């Protein structure tokens, strides 16, 4: 009887014990395996961290080459210090936004992006312009978002509204005609006011009188990367007067007679402005093969339609205040093309700076990642993207830099940057 009880106990409890022992051993094995994997991943992570800590821009300034395309290695001879308790010197500059009250959410998105990526260290002033008074909600929200001071200005009617000398009958006819053709913003009156204001009046606003530089920001844009430097400081130290990140082709149906007006201006002012050889005139007129691309559109004039995308631009206000630029703008404005057609401020700025400045006074900020629907730009260097904590890839679908509809390679060839392209061109 005792033997039978023993066999019964063994028959019941031995499988249970075996199962528990197996389960315990399995758990121990899995725990050790996970620990080994964790240890391995920790080693990999540490190795990656050590590899990039030597040049990670989060903690200090390495020597900066500005930009990659200029091969100028002696940009700024200083080293970045630890951000803690660090005071960054500021230039005489402001961040500028032309914006409506209804665009508050988009304005805050742009502000937060630029503050996080750049201005939280420098605390530059924000200047907001509007053709109607800003409401209290807009002022409170943007003031809270800004790390620097904020100021708000009402644009005078004479700087914003359609001038009285515009033929209203012709204007309305052209408006309907462009709208029927499906031209972008072809039927918008306010858009025309904005383009004319940005072309010839933004720099005349009294709120900007005490500044030397401006950084134009629009609602609903994003800055993909930490800024590796203060672009305002670069502008001053390197003698730059206009900076851009994206250049592309304009819609010719918006500016059919713009180049005719420009050629008339060139003929009238010959001898008082830069020679074509000393300016970036070739950037505006080169329609030859660059790399494997011809211009994606065949223009009806000598103008190849290339322009700097002005929703991002950093400029010297004193250049725009100059008699040379104001004369350029007023010559164009007298043609009425801002209203009878739909001349944009981007081609007007681009043609103006290309004709009145030397190429080495215009800078392509190719270390800055930026997006404005539908196009973006992202640093090509993998190391730079890691250093500057970029949230983009240079082969993103929106990245325009070396695509057929970009004019950047044409700038490298005819403007300033890819000097080896010019040397190759001379040898051919």
Foldseek 3Di string as FASTA:
>chain_A
DVVVVVVVCCVPCVVVVVVVVVVVVVVVVVVVVVVVVVVVVVVVVVVVCVVQVVPFLQAKADQQDAPPQFPRRPQDPDMGHGLVVDADDDAQEAEEEEDDLVLLVLVLQQLLQCCVQECVRHQGEYEYEYQDDHDPVSVVSVCVSGSHHYDYDHDDCVLQADDPPDDPVLLCVLLVVCVVVVPVCSNPRNLLSVQLNLQAPPLVDPVCPRGFKYWAAYGNKHWFFRDSDDVVVSLVVQVAFKEAAFKFFDDCQQPVCQVVLVVVVCVVCPPPADDLLQFLVCLQQDQDDQPNEGQPDDHPDSGSRMWGPVNTMMGGSVVSVDPQSNVLSVSSVVVVSSRSGPDGSGVSVRVSRRGHDGLSNYGHRLLIWMDDPPAIAHRQDPSSCSSGVGPDHRPPPRYDQPDNRTSNSSCLQRGRGNVVNVVVVVVD
